[in-house]
């Protein structure tokens, strides 16, 4: 038995852990069930922190989170799965692919919406699947579970890397050998002590395509992002006016931005996502800016019902559309 300190500075007792060999077969069954439910990738990590909070604290201290107060909330828990649910022993990380077949953003008079939002809201889709997985686990192994999809202070990308699904690229998002940069994540915490997967190795190498692709220079260094300059943050999270020098770089983007993701060379190995239960809505990628500008609140809610876009609200969408129209010259 040894005693050490975690990143939060409190003393913890760390015991050697021996995984029951029978859990190897249990893990294989769980992973097979997750894939049967529609997940493209799944892995297992220990339900414990691994030093991620140091980077988070620097990010927050430098003001890079902008007005995303939720990132500062419960910062003592964020990055510590064992603090979110002390009984948890393992975290099952599941990933859904939304890899596109082609670039739907060729027309500058059409509104550019982030590719993940051209489908039903992933929060609802992933949570439904994870709850089904959790129910199956409870019935199969008499265990306890907790399900999270952006609903708790879970640092999901470091967990996904430790679960072997992919690594955090220089754009700070997850990169997978098989699925490129087109993955969305959810987690099942469980009190089952499952054998963890080997962490994914960072193999970005000297490539900096994503850094160079950022329209606003938000990726001011590899593996570092200033959210205050990021178009995804500005169009979705930011509630105020957008600085003119940043607005000019938005082009026709009205919800999110895919530029750094799309630039990743690993995308060439990603097969287009084919998920009959979560299809892409072609109509969402073909909105003309002028037509969007005419939507009142009720029409906006109807047009984007059931999608992630609705979460940003009518007022912010109209702000973004006005900027895109100015940029297009219309």
Protein backbone atom coordinates (compact mmCIF):
# COMPACT_ATOMS: atom_id res chain seq x y z
CA UNK A 1 0.00 0.00 0.00
CA UNK A 2 1.28 3.45 -0.88
CA UNK A 3 0.02 6.95 -0.25
CA UNK A 4 0.25 9.75 -2.80
CA UNK A 5 -1.42 12.96 -3.84
CA UNK A 6 -3.81 13.50 -6.70
CA UNK A 7 -3.95 16.67 -8.79
CA UNK A 8 -6.38 18.24 -6.34
CA UNK A 9 -3.81 17.99 -3.58
CA UNK A 10 -5.71 15.66 -1.20
CA UNK A 11 -4.01 12.54 0.11
CA UNK A 12 -5.42 9.26 -1.17
CA UNK A 13 -4.72 5.65 -0.41
CA UNK A 14 -3.92 3.67 -3.54
CA UNK A 15 -4.26 -0.10 -3.50
CA UNK A 16 -3.00 -2.55 -6.05
CA UNK A 17 -5.93 -3.80 -8.12
CA UNK A 18 -6.30 -7.31 -9.40
CA UNK A 19 -9.04 -7.84 -11.96
CA UNK A 20 -11.03 -11.06 -11.71
CA UNK A 21 -10.24 -13.11 -14.82
CA UNK A 22 -13.94 -13.76 -15.32
CA UNK A 23 -14.35 -10.05 -15.96
CA UNK A 24 -12.39 -10.41 -19.21
CA UNK A 25 -15.29 -12.38 -20.69
CA UNK A 26 -17.76 -9.93 -19.16
CA UNK A 27 -15.95 -7.02 -20.81
CA UNK A 28 -16.06 -8.75 -24.20
CA UNK A 29 -19.81 -9.22 -23.85
CA UNK A 30 -20.29 -5.57 -22.88
CA UNK A 31 -18.28 -4.32 -25.84
CA UNK A 32 -20.21 -6.57 -28.22
CA UNK A 33 -23.50 -5.30 -26.82
CA UNK A 34 -22.38 -1.67 -27.20
CA UNK A 35 -21.52 -2.26 -30.86
CA UNK A 36 -24.85 -4.03 -31.40
CA UNK A 37 -26.57 -0.89 -30.09
CA UNK A 38 -24.90 1.18 -32.79
CA UNK A 39 -21.65 2.47 -31.31
CA UNK A 40 -18.70 2.58 -33.68
CA UNK A 41 -16.05 2.21 -30.98
CA UNK A 42 -15.99 1.26 -27.32
CA UNK A 43 -13.29 0.93 -24.66
CA UNK A 44 -12.76 0.72 -20.92
CA UNK A 45 -10.77 2.96 -18.58
CA UNK A 46 -10.23 3.00 -14.84
CA UNK A 47 -12.66 5.24 -12.95
CA UNK A 48 -9.92 7.45 -11.61
CA UNK A 49 -8.14 10.64 -12.57
CA UNK A 50 -4.84 10.63 -14.41
CA UNK A 51 -3.54 14.17 -14.12
CA UNK A 52 -5.86 15.84 -16.63
CA UNK A 53 -6.89 18.59 -14.22
CA UNK A 54 -3.56 20.41 -14.48
CA UNK A 55 -4.27 21.34 -18.08
CA UNK A 56 -7.84 22.31 -17.20
CA UNK A 57 -6.68 24.62 -14.43
CA UNK A 58 -4.27 26.39 -16.82
CA UNK A 59 -7.03 26.71 -19.42
CA UNK A 60 -9.38 28.31 -16.90
CA UNK A 61 -6.73 30.50 -15.26
CA UNK A 62 -5.80 32.01 -18.64
CA UNK A 63 -9.44 32.87 -19.32
CA UNK A 64 -9.59 30.63 -22.39
CA UNK A 65 -13.03 29.28 -21.45
CA UNK A 66 -14.67 32.62 -22.18
CA UNK A 67 -18.10 32.82 -20.57
CA UNK A 68 -18.58 29.05 -20.31
CA UNK A 69 -19.21 29.17 -16.57
CA UNK A 70 -20.17 25.49 -16.57
CA UNK A 71 -16.51 24.61 -17.11
CA UNK A 72 -15.64 26.34 -13.85
CA UNK A 73 -18.52 24.80 -11.94
CA UNK A 74 -17.53 21.80 -9.85
CA UNK A 75 -13.95 22.16 -11.01
CA UNK A 76 -12.86 20.18 -7.94
CA UNK A 77 -14.70 17.17 -9.39
CA UNK A 78 -13.96 17.62 -13.08
CA UNK A 79 -11.27 15.18 -14.19
CA UNK A 80 -11.86 12.89 -11.20
CA UNK A 81 -14.36 10.13 -12.08
CA UNK A 82 -13.99 8.70 -8.58
CA UNK A 83 -15.31 11.99 -7.17
CA UNK A 84 -18.36 11.98 -9.44
CA UNK A 85 -19.39 8.54 -8.20
CA UNK A 86 -17.09 7.00 -5.56
CA UNK A 87 -18.44 3.48 -6.12
CA UNK A 88 -17.38 3.48 -9.76
CA UNK A 89 -14.52 1.14 -10.67
CA UNK A 90 -14.60 1.31 -14.47
CA UNK A 91 -15.78 3.69 -17.18
CA UNK A 92 -17.07 2.31 -20.46
CA UNK A 93 -16.51 4.95 -23.13
CA UNK A 94 -18.66 4.57 -26.23
CA UNK A 95 -18.27 6.56 -29.44
CA UNK A 96 -20.70 7.19 -32.29
CA UNK A 97 -19.41 8.13 -35.74
CA UNK A 98 -20.88 10.90 -37.88
CA UNK A 99 -18.26 10.74 -40.64
CA UNK A 100 -19.64 12.45 -43.77
CA UNK A 101 -19.72 10.95 -47.24
CA UNK A 102 -18.91 14.34 -48.79
CA UNK A 103 -18.55 18.00 -47.92
CA UNK A 104 -22.07 19.47 -47.82
CA UNK A 105 -20.82 23.05 -47.53
CA UNK A 106 -19.80 23.91 -51.09
CA UNK A 107 -22.36 26.70 -51.67
CA UNK A 108 -21.37 29.99 -49.92
CA UNK A 109 -25.01 31.21 -49.98
CA UNK A 110 -26.06 28.24 -47.84
CA UNK A 111 -25.72 28.24 -44.07
CA UNK A 112 -22.87 26.12 -42.76
CA UNK A 113 -23.94 23.99 -39.82
CA UNK A 114 -21.52 21.68 -38.02
CA UNK A 115 -21.82 18.17 -39.40
CA UNK A 116 -22.72 16.57 -36.07
CA UNK A 117 -25.79 18.83 -35.89
CA UNK A 118 -27.20 17.66 -39.24
CA UNK A 119 -28.79 14.75 -37.41
CA UNK A 120 -31.08 14.25 -34.44
CA UNK A 121 -29.59 15.70 -31.26
CA UNK A 122 -26.74 13.37 -30.30
CA UNK A 123 -27.44 13.90 -26.59
CA UNK A 124 -30.77 12.12 -27.01
CA UNK A 125 -29.50 9.41 -29.35
CA UNK A 126 -26.39 8.48 -27.36
CA UNK A 127 -28.14 8.64 -24.00
CA UNK A 128 -30.89 6.31 -25.19
CA UNK A 129 -28.31 3.78 -26.38
CA UNK A 130 -26.20 4.09 -23.25
CA UNK A 131 -29.24 3.61 -21.03
CA UNK A 132 -30.09 0.46 -22.99
CA UNK A 133 -26.51 -0.75 -22.47
CA UNK A 134 -26.68 0.09 -18.76
CA UNK A 135 -29.98 -1.77 -18.32
CA UNK A 136 -28.53 -4.81 -20.08
CA UNK A 137 -25.46 -4.69 -17.81
CA UNK A 138 -27.60 -4.51 -14.66
CA UNK A 139 -29.65 -7.49 -15.82
CA UNK A 140 -26.59 -9.48 -16.92
CA UNK A 141 -24.16 -8.77 -14.08
CA UNK A 142 -26.27 -7.41 -11.18
CA UNK A 143 -24.08 -4.31 -11.17
CA UNK A 144 -24.73 -0.62 -10.67
CA UNK A 145 -24.32 1.96 -13.43
CA UNK A 146 -24.49 5.68 -14.16
CA UNK A 147 -24.87 7.15 -17.68
CA UNK A 148 -23.42 10.47 -18.84
CA UNK A 149 -23.60 12.41 -22.12
CA UNK A 150 -22.46 15.98 -21.41
CA UNK A 151 -24.51 15.86 -18.19
CA UNK A 152 -21.76 15.79 -15.58
CA UNK A 153 -18.25 17.23 -15.13
CA UNK A 154 -16.68 14.33 -17.04
CA UNK A 155 -13.49 15.03 -19.00
CA UNK A 156 -14.51 12.61 -21.70
CA UNK A 157 -11.71 13.04 -24.23
CA UNK A 158 -8.91 12.08 -21.81
CA UNK A 159 -11.07 9.15 -20.69
CA UNK A 160 -11.55 8.10 -24.32
CA UNK A 161 -7.79 8.21 -24.85
CA UNK A 162 -7.20 6.08 -21.76
CA UNK A 163 -9.90 3.69 -23.03
CA UNK A 164 -7.95 3.25 -26.27
CA UNK A 165 -10.55 4.79 -28.59
CA UNK A 166 -8.30 7.55 -29.86
CA UNK A 167 -6.02 10.36 -28.81
CA UNK A 168 -6.47 14.09 -28.32
CA UNK A 169 -5.10 15.68 -31.45
CA UNK A 170 -3.52 19.08 -31.87
CA UNK A 171 -7.03 20.49 -32.41
CA UNK A 172 -7.80 19.24 -28.85
CA UNK A 173 -10.49 16.89 -30.17
CA UNK A 174 -10.37 13.11 -30.33
CA UNK A 175 -8.68 11.43 -33.30
CA UNK A 176 -9.15 7.76 -34.16
CA UNK A 177 -7.20 5.58 -36.59
CA UNK A 178 -10.47 4.08 -37.85
CA UNK A 179 -12.89 7.03 -37.59
CA UNK A 180 -10.74 10.12 -37.96
CA UNK A 181 -12.00 13.17 -36.08
CA UNK A 182 -15.71 12.35 -36.49
CA UNK A 183 -16.69 10.86 -33.11
CA UNK A 184 -19.12 11.82 -30.35
CA UNK A 185 -18.71 10.35 -26.87
CA UNK A 186 -20.76 9.06 -23.96
CA UNK A 187 -19.93 7.07 -20.85
CA UNK A 188 -21.28 4.36 -18.59
CA UNK A 189 -19.76 4.38 -15.10
CA UNK A 190 -20.02 1.02 -13.35
CA UNK A 191 -18.98 -0.66 -10.13
CA UNK A 192 -17.76 -3.64 -12.18
CA UNK A 193 -13.98 -3.94 -12.05
CA UNK A 194 -13.28 -4.50 -15.73
CA UNK A 195 -9.83 -4.87 -17.31
CA UNK A 196 -8.92 -1.51 -18.87
CA UNK A 197 -7.80 -1.08 -22.45
CA UNK A 198 -4.33 0.15 -23.34
CA UNK A 199 -4.31 3.93 -23.81
CA UNK A 200 -4.22 5.19 -27.38
CA UNK A 201 -0.88 6.57 -28.54
CA UNK A 202 -0.69 10.10 -29.94
CA UNK A 203 0.50 9.67 -33.53
CA UNK A 204 -0.11 13.16 -34.88
CA UNK A 205 3.63 13.41 -35.45
CA UNK A 206 4.73 16.62 -37.16
CA UNK A 207 1.35 17.20 -38.82
CA UNK A 208 -0.25 20.55 -37.97
CA UNK A 209 -2.96 20.63 -40.66
CA UNK A 210 -5.70 21.25 -38.10
CA UNK A 211 -3.83 24.16 -36.52
CA UNK A 212 -3.31 25.81 -39.92
CA UNK A 213 -6.96 25.23 -40.90
CA UNK A 214 -8.47 27.23 -38.02
CA UNK A 215 -10.01 30.39 -39.57
CA UNK A 216 -9.55 32.56 -36.48
CA UNK A 217 -6.27 31.29 -35.03
CA UNK A 218 -8.05 29.83 -32.01
CA UNK A 219 -5.53 26.97 -32.07
CA UNK A 220 -2.68 29.25 -31.06
CA UNK A 221 -0.38 26.31 -30.34
CA UNK A 222 -0.60 22.54 -30.86
CA UNK A 223 -2.93 20.96 -28.29
CA UNK A 224 -4.09 24.39 -27.07
CA UNK A 225 -7.28 26.26 -27.90
CA UNK A 226 -8.55 29.68 -26.97
CA UNK A 227 -12.32 29.19 -26.97
CA UNK A 228 -12.84 32.95 -27.15
CA UNK A 229 -11.64 32.84 -30.76
CA UNK A 230 -13.23 29.51 -31.73
CA UNK A 231 -16.16 29.76 -34.17
CA UNK A 232 -17.91 26.83 -32.50
CA UNK A 233 -17.81 28.68 -29.19
CA UNK A 234 -18.75 32.03 -30.73
CA UNK A 235 -21.77 30.70 -32.65
CA UNK A 236 -23.10 28.32 -29.98
CA UNK A 237 -21.96 29.23 -26.46
CA UNK A 238 -21.20 32.97 -26.62
CA UNK A 239 -24.21 35.10 -25.69
CA UNK A 240 -22.95 38.59 -26.52
CA UNK A 241 -21.84 40.44 -29.62
CA UNK A 242 -19.04 38.94 -31.71
CA UNK A 243 -15.97 41.10 -32.29
CA UNK A 244 -15.84 42.39 -35.91
CA UNK A 245 -12.38 40.93 -36.57
CA UNK A 246 -13.69 37.46 -35.60
CA UNK A 247 -17.06 37.89 -37.29
CA UNK A 248 -15.34 38.51 -40.62
CA UNK A 249 -13.64 35.11 -40.33
CA UNK A 250 -16.91 33.26 -39.73
CA UNK A 251 -17.84 33.17 -43.41
CA UNK A 252 -21.22 31.47 -43.74
CA UNK A 253 -20.89 29.42 -40.54
CA UNK A 254 -24.00 29.85 -38.39
CA UNK A 255 -23.66 26.91 -35.98
CA UNK A 256 -20.30 25.43 -35.15
CA UNK A 257 -17.27 24.86 -37.36
CA UNK A 258 -15.70 21.71 -38.82
CA UNK A 259 -12.54 23.18 -40.34
CA UNK A 260 -9.97 21.80 -37.91
CA UNK A 261 -11.71 18.41 -37.83
CA UNK A 262 -12.04 18.20 -41.61
CA UNK A 263 -8.33 18.96 -42.08
CA UNK A 264 -7.23 15.85 -40.18
CA UNK A 265 -5.48 13.33 -42.52
CA UNK A 266 -6.80 10.42 -40.46
CA UNK A 267 -10.27 11.14 -41.86
CA UNK A 268 -9.29 9.33 -45.06
CA UNK A 269 -9.61 6.03 -43.17
CA UNK A 270 -13.10 6.83 -41.87
CA UNK A 271 -15.98 5.12 -43.64
CA UNK A 272 -19.08 7.32 -44.04
CA UNK A 273 -21.37 6.85 -41.08
CA UNK A 274 -24.28 4.57 -41.92
CA UNK A 275 -26.69 4.54 -39.01
CA UNK A 276 -30.31 3.89 -40.03
CA UNK A 277 -31.51 4.85 -36.55
CA UNK A 278 -29.59 8.14 -36.66
CA UNK A 279 -29.65 9.33 -40.29
CA UNK A 280 -28.37 12.62 -41.59
CA UNK A 281 -31.11 15.13 -42.40
CA UNK A 282 -30.26 16.48 -45.83
CA UNK A 283 -32.63 19.44 -45.42
CA UNK A 284 -30.58 20.84 -42.53
CA UNK A 285 -27.52 21.22 -44.72
CA UNK A 286 -29.35 23.06 -47.48
CA UNK A 287 -30.72 26.15 -45.72
CA UNK A 288 -30.11 29.32 -47.69
CA UNK A 289 -28.98 32.21 -45.51
CA UNK A 290 -31.74 34.48 -46.76
CA UNK A 291 -34.38 31.86 -45.86
CA UNK A 292 -32.93 31.40 -42.37
CA UNK A 293 -33.02 35.14 -41.79
CA UNK A 294 -36.81 35.12 -42.30
CA UNK A 295 -37.51 32.58 -39.54
CA UNK A 296 -39.29 33.86 -36.47
CA UNK A 297 -38.89 32.06 -33.16
CA UNK A 298 -41.71 29.58 -33.79
CA UNK A 299 -40.48 28.77 -37.30
CA UNK A 300 -36.92 28.34 -36.02
CA UNK A 301 -38.08 25.89 -33.35
CA UNK A 302 -40.09 23.92 -35.90
CA UNK A 303 -37.27 23.79 -38.47
CA UNK A 304 -34.67 22.58 -35.96
CA UNK A 305 -36.88 20.53 -33.65
CA UNK A 306 -35.05 17.55 -32.19
CA UNK A 307 -31.59 18.79 -33.25
CA UNK A 308 -28.64 20.27 -31.42
CA UNK A 309 -29.14 23.53 -33.32
CA UNK A 310 -32.30 24.30 -31.36
CA UNK A 311 -30.24 24.54 -28.18
CA UNK A 312 -28.54 27.74 -29.32
CA UNK A 313 -31.84 29.61 -29.50
CA UNK A 314 -33.44 31.91 -32.06
CA UNK A 315 -31.71 35.13 -30.95
CA UNK A 316 -28.17 33.76 -31.25
CA UNK A 317 -28.97 32.06 -34.54
CA UNK A 318 -30.25 35.32 -36.01
CA UNK A 319 -27.07 37.07 -34.82
CA UNK A 320 -25.00 34.43 -36.58
CA UNK A 321 -27.10 34.56 -39.76
CA UNK A 322 -26.79 38.35 -39.92
CA UNK A 323 -23.00 38.03 -39.76
CA UNK A 324 -22.99 35.32 -42.44
CA UNK A 325 -25.14 37.44 -44.72
CA UNK A 326 -22.74 40.37 -44.37
CA UNK A 327 -19.82 38.09 -45.11
CA UNK A 328 -21.55 36.70 -48.20
CA UNK A 329 -22.21 40.19 -49.57
CA UNK A 330 -25.99 39.69 -49.67
